[in-house]
């Protein structure tokens, strides 16, 4: 099993300790690119796929652990795009 497969499998389990760095790598696997919405975006980060469909998230702080609602939001988006079942 490749590192990418392991990351996808870990994400699908929706662990409570999934980091923002892992989420960023996961979205990169599916062709998303990260963009801060400008100098005044604060912790808001947007990821866009090849067609420009966005996933907007708040980067966690002060820690690096992604909130469960954000993981579910990303999961629903990836499922709706057909990237995950």
N, C-alpha and C. Protein backbone atom coordinates (compact mmCIF):
# COMPACT_ATOMS: atom_id res chain seq x y z
N UNK A 1 0.86 -1.18 0.00
CA UNK A 1 0.00 0.00 0.00
C UNK A 1 0.91 1.24 0.00
N UNK A 2 0.61 2.17 -0.88
CA UNK A 2 1.43 3.37 -1.00
C UNK A 2 1.13 4.36 0.13
N UNK A 3 2.00 5.34 0.27
CA UNK A 3 1.82 6.38 1.29
C UNK A 3 0.53 7.14 1.04
N UNK A 4 0.23 7.39 -0.23
CA UNK A 4 -1.01 8.10 -0.58
C UNK A 4 -2.23 7.29 -0.16
N UNK A 5 -2.19 5.98 -0.44
CA UNK A 5 -3.30 5.11 -0.06
C UNK A 5 -3.50 5.09 1.46
N UNK A 6 -2.39 5.07 2.19
CA UNK A 6 -2.47 5.07 3.65
C UNK A 6 -3.08 6.37 4.17
N UNK A 7 -2.70 7.49 3.54
CA UNK A 7 -3.26 8.78 3.95
C UNK A 7 -4.76 8.83 3.68
N UNK A 8 -5.18 8.35 2.51
CA UNK A 8 -6.62 8.33 2.18
C UNK A 8 -7.36 7.42 3.16
N UNK A 9 -6.80 6.27 3.45
CA UNK A 9 -7.43 5.34 4.39
C UNK A 9 -7.56 5.96 5.78
N UNK A 10 -6.51 6.66 6.21
CA UNK A 10 -6.54 7.34 7.51
C UNK A 10 -7.62 8.42 7.52
N UNK A 11 -7.72 9.18 6.44
CA UNK A 11 -8.74 10.24 6.35
C UNK A 11 -10.14 9.65 6.42
N UNK A 12 -10.37 8.56 5.70
CA UNK A 12 -11.71 7.96 5.67
C UNK A 12 -12.15 7.47 7.05
N UNK A 13 -11.20 7.20 7.93
CA UNK A 13 -11.53 6.79 9.30
C UNK A 13 -11.94 7.99 10.16
N UNK A 14 -11.77 9.21 9.62
CA UNK A 14 -12.08 10.46 10.33
C UNK A 14 -11.48 10.48 11.74
N UNK A 15 -10.14 10.38 11.82
CA UNK A 15 -9.51 10.37 13.15
C UNK A 15 -9.59 11.74 13.81
N UNK A 16 -9.60 11.75 15.11
CA UNK A 16 -9.70 13.01 15.84
C UNK A 16 -8.37 13.76 15.89
N UNK A 17 -7.29 13.16 15.37
CA UNK A 17 -5.98 13.81 15.39
C UNK A 17 -5.43 14.05 13.98
N UNK A 18 -6.30 14.23 13.00
CA UNK A 18 -5.89 14.48 11.61
C UNK A 18 -5.39 15.93 11.52
N UNK A 19 -4.16 16.11 11.03
CA UNK A 19 -3.56 17.44 11.03
C UNK A 19 -3.87 18.20 9.74
N UNK A 20 -3.71 19.50 9.81
CA UNK A 20 -3.91 20.34 8.64
C UNK A 20 -2.90 20.00 7.55
N UNK A 21 -1.69 19.66 7.94
CA UNK A 21 -0.66 19.27 6.96
C UNK A 21 -1.08 18.01 6.21
N UNK A 22 -1.65 17.05 6.93
CA UNK A 22 -2.15 15.83 6.29
C UNK A 22 -3.30 16.16 5.34
N UNK A 23 -4.19 17.04 5.77
CA UNK A 23 -5.32 17.42 4.94
C UNK A 23 -4.84 18.12 3.66
N UNK A 24 -3.84 18.96 3.80
CA UNK A 24 -3.28 19.64 2.64
C UNK A 24 -2.67 18.63 1.65
N UNK A 25 -1.95 17.64 2.17
CA UNK A 25 -1.38 16.60 1.30
C UNK A 25 -2.48 15.79 0.63
N UNK A 26 -3.54 15.47 1.39
CA UNK A 26 -4.66 14.71 0.85
C UNK A 26 -5.31 15.45 -0.32
N UNK A 27 -5.59 16.73 -0.13
CA UNK A 27 -6.24 17.50 -1.18
C UNK A 27 -5.33 17.64 -2.40
N UNK A 28 -4.03 17.70 -2.18
CA UNK A 28 -3.08 17.77 -3.29
C UNK A 28 -3.15 16.49 -4.12
N UNK A 29 -3.34 15.35 -3.46
CA UNK A 29 -3.47 14.07 -4.17
C UNK A 29 -4.60 14.14 -5.18
N UNK A 30 -5.69 14.81 -4.83
CA UNK A 30 -6.86 14.90 -5.70
C UNK A 30 -6.84 16.13 -6.60
N UNK A 31 -5.70 16.79 -6.69
CA UNK A 31 -5.53 17.89 -7.65
C UNK A 31 -5.93 19.26 -7.16
N UNK A 32 -6.14 19.41 -5.86
CA UNK A 32 -6.49 20.72 -5.30
C UNK A 32 -5.22 21.52 -5.04
N UNK A 33 -5.32 22.82 -5.22
CA UNK A 33 -4.21 23.71 -4.90
C UNK A 33 -4.66 24.68 -3.82
N UNK A 34 -3.73 25.03 -2.95
CA UNK A 34 -4.03 25.90 -1.81
C UNK A 34 -3.87 27.36 -2.20
N UNK A 35 -4.76 28.18 -1.68
CA UNK A 35 -4.69 29.61 -1.91
C UNK A 35 -5.19 30.33 -0.68
N UNK A 36 -4.39 31.25 -0.16
CA UNK A 36 -4.90 32.13 0.89
C UNK A 36 -5.67 33.22 0.16
N UNK A 37 -6.76 33.65 0.72
CA UNK A 37 -7.65 34.56 0.00
C UNK A 37 -7.14 36.00 0.00
N UNK A 38 -5.86 36.22 0.17
CA UNK A 38 -5.31 37.56 0.18
C UNK A 38 -4.66 37.88 1.50
N UNK A 39 -4.12 39.07 1.59
CA UNK A 39 -3.40 39.46 2.80
C UNK A 39 -4.29 39.53 4.02
N UNK A 40 -5.57 39.77 3.83
CA UNK A 40 -6.48 39.93 4.97
C UNK A 40 -7.30 38.67 5.23
N UNK A 41 -6.88 37.54 4.68
CA UNK A 41 -7.67 36.32 4.82
C UNK A 41 -7.59 35.71 6.22
N UNK A 42 -6.59 36.08 6.98
CA UNK A 42 -6.45 35.50 8.32
C UNK A 42 -6.22 34.02 8.22
N UNK A 43 -7.00 33.23 8.96
CA UNK A 43 -6.81 31.78 8.96
C UNK A 43 -7.63 31.09 7.87
N UNK A 44 -8.36 31.85 7.06
CA UNK A 44 -9.15 31.23 6.00
C UNK A 44 -8.24 30.79 4.85
N UNK A 45 -8.44 29.55 4.43
CA UNK A 45 -7.66 28.99 3.33
C UNK A 45 -8.65 28.38 2.36
N UNK A 46 -8.39 28.54 1.08
CA UNK A 46 -9.26 27.96 0.07
C UNK A 46 -8.43 27.00 -0.78
N UNK A 47 -9.02 25.86 -1.07
CA UNK A 47 -8.42 24.87 -1.96
C UNK A 47 -9.31 24.77 -3.18
N UNK A 48 -8.71 24.84 -4.36
CA UNK A 48 -9.49 24.75 -5.60
C UNK A 48 -9.01 23.56 -6.41
N UNK A 49 -9.99 22.85 -7.02
CA UNK A 49 -9.62 21.75 -7.89
C UNK A 49 -9.37 22.27 -9.30
N UNK A 50 -9.14 21.37 -10.24
CA UNK A 50 -8.80 21.77 -11.61
C UNK A 50 -9.89 22.60 -12.28
N UNK A 51 -11.14 22.34 -11.91
CA UNK A 51 -12.26 23.09 -12.48
C UNK A 51 -12.55 24.38 -11.72
N UNK A 52 -11.83 24.61 -10.63
CA UNK A 52 -12.03 25.83 -9.86
C UNK A 52 -13.04 25.70 -8.73
N UNK A 53 -13.54 24.48 -8.47
CA UNK A 53 -14.48 24.29 -7.37
C UNK A 53 -13.74 24.43 -6.04
N UNK A 54 -14.24 25.29 -5.16
CA UNK A 54 -13.51 25.57 -3.92
C UNK A 54 -13.93 24.72 -2.73
N UNK A 55 -12.97 24.52 -1.84
CA UNK A 55 -13.22 24.02 -0.50
C UNK A 55 -12.60 25.07 0.42
N UNK A 56 -13.42 25.75 1.20
CA UNK A 56 -12.92 26.80 2.08
C UNK A 56 -12.89 26.27 3.51
N UNK A 57 -11.73 26.46 4.15
CA UNK A 57 -11.53 25.99 5.51
C UNK A 57 -10.86 27.06 6.35
N UNK A 58 -10.97 26.90 7.64
CA UNK A 58 -10.20 27.72 8.56
C UNK A 58 -9.02 26.89 9.03
N UNK A 59 -7.82 27.44 8.86
CA UNK A 59 -6.64 26.74 9.32
C UNK A 59 -6.67 26.74 10.84
N UNK A 60 -6.51 25.55 11.45
CA UNK A 60 -6.61 25.48 12.90
C UNK A 60 -5.47 26.22 13.59
N UNK A 61 -5.79 26.86 14.68
CA UNK A 61 -4.78 27.52 15.48
C UNK A 61 -5.27 27.60 16.92
N UNK A 62 -4.48 27.54 17.90
CA UNK A 62 -3.03 27.54 17.84
C UNK A 62 -2.45 26.18 17.47
N UNK A 63 -3.23 25.11 17.53
CA UNK A 63 -2.73 23.77 17.19
C UNK A 63 -2.79 23.52 15.70
N UNK A 64 -2.63 22.27 15.30
CA UNK A 64 -2.62 21.90 13.90
C UNK A 64 -3.67 20.82 13.60
N UNK A 65 -4.52 20.50 14.58
CA UNK A 65 -5.52 19.44 14.42
C UNK A 65 -6.79 20.03 13.80
N UNK A 66 -7.26 19.39 12.73
CA UNK A 66 -8.44 19.85 12.01
C UNK A 66 -9.69 19.44 12.78
N UNK A 67 -10.64 20.35 12.88
CA UNK A 67 -11.91 20.07 13.57
C UNK A 67 -12.70 19.01 12.80
N UNK A 68 -13.48 18.22 13.53
CA UNK A 68 -14.23 17.13 12.92
C UNK A 68 -15.23 17.64 11.88
N UNK A 69 -15.88 18.78 12.11
CA UNK A 69 -16.83 19.29 11.13
C UNK A 69 -16.14 19.62 9.81
N UNK A 70 -14.90 20.07 9.88
CA UNK A 70 -14.15 20.39 8.66
C UNK A 70 -13.78 19.11 7.91
N UNK A 71 -13.40 18.06 8.65
CA UNK A 71 -13.10 16.79 8.00
C UNK A 71 -14.33 16.25 7.28
N UNK A 72 -15.48 16.34 7.94
CA UNK A 72 -16.71 15.86 7.31
C UNK A 72 -17.07 16.69 6.08
N UNK A 73 -16.84 17.98 6.16
CA UNK A 73 -17.09 18.86 5.01
C UNK A 73 -16.23 18.46 3.81
N UNK A 74 -14.96 18.21 4.07
CA UNK A 74 -14.05 17.81 3.00
C UNK A 74 -14.45 16.44 2.45
N UNK A 75 -14.80 15.51 3.34
CA UNK A 75 -15.24 14.18 2.90
C UNK A 75 -16.46 14.28 1.99
N UNK A 76 -17.45 15.06 2.38
CA UNK A 76 -18.65 15.23 1.56
C UNK A 76 -18.31 15.82 0.19
N UNK A 77 -17.41 16.78 0.17
CA UNK A 77 -17.02 17.41 -1.09
C UNK A 77 -16.29 16.42 -1.99
N UNK A 78 -15.36 15.66 -1.43
CA UNK A 78 -14.61 14.69 -2.23
C UNK A 78 -15.53 13.58 -2.73
N UNK A 79 -16.52 13.20 -1.93
CA UNK A 79 -17.48 12.19 -2.37
C UNK A 79 -18.38 12.75 -3.48
N UNK A 80 -18.82 13.98 -3.35
CA UNK A 80 -19.71 14.57 -4.36
C UNK A 80 -19.00 14.75 -5.70
N UNK A 81 -17.68 14.94 -5.67
CA UNK A 81 -16.90 15.07 -6.89
C UNK A 81 -16.51 13.72 -7.47
N UNK A 82 -16.78 12.64 -6.73
CA UNK A 82 -16.47 11.29 -7.21
C UNK A 82 -15.05 10.84 -6.94
N UNK A 83 -14.31 11.59 -6.13
CA UNK A 83 -12.95 11.20 -5.80
C UNK A 83 -12.91 10.07 -4.79
N UNK A 84 -13.89 10.03 -3.90
CA UNK A 84 -14.00 8.99 -2.87
C UNK A 84 -15.40 8.41 -2.88
N UNK A 85 -15.50 7.17 -2.41
CA UNK A 85 -16.81 6.52 -2.32
C UNK A 85 -17.32 6.57 -0.91
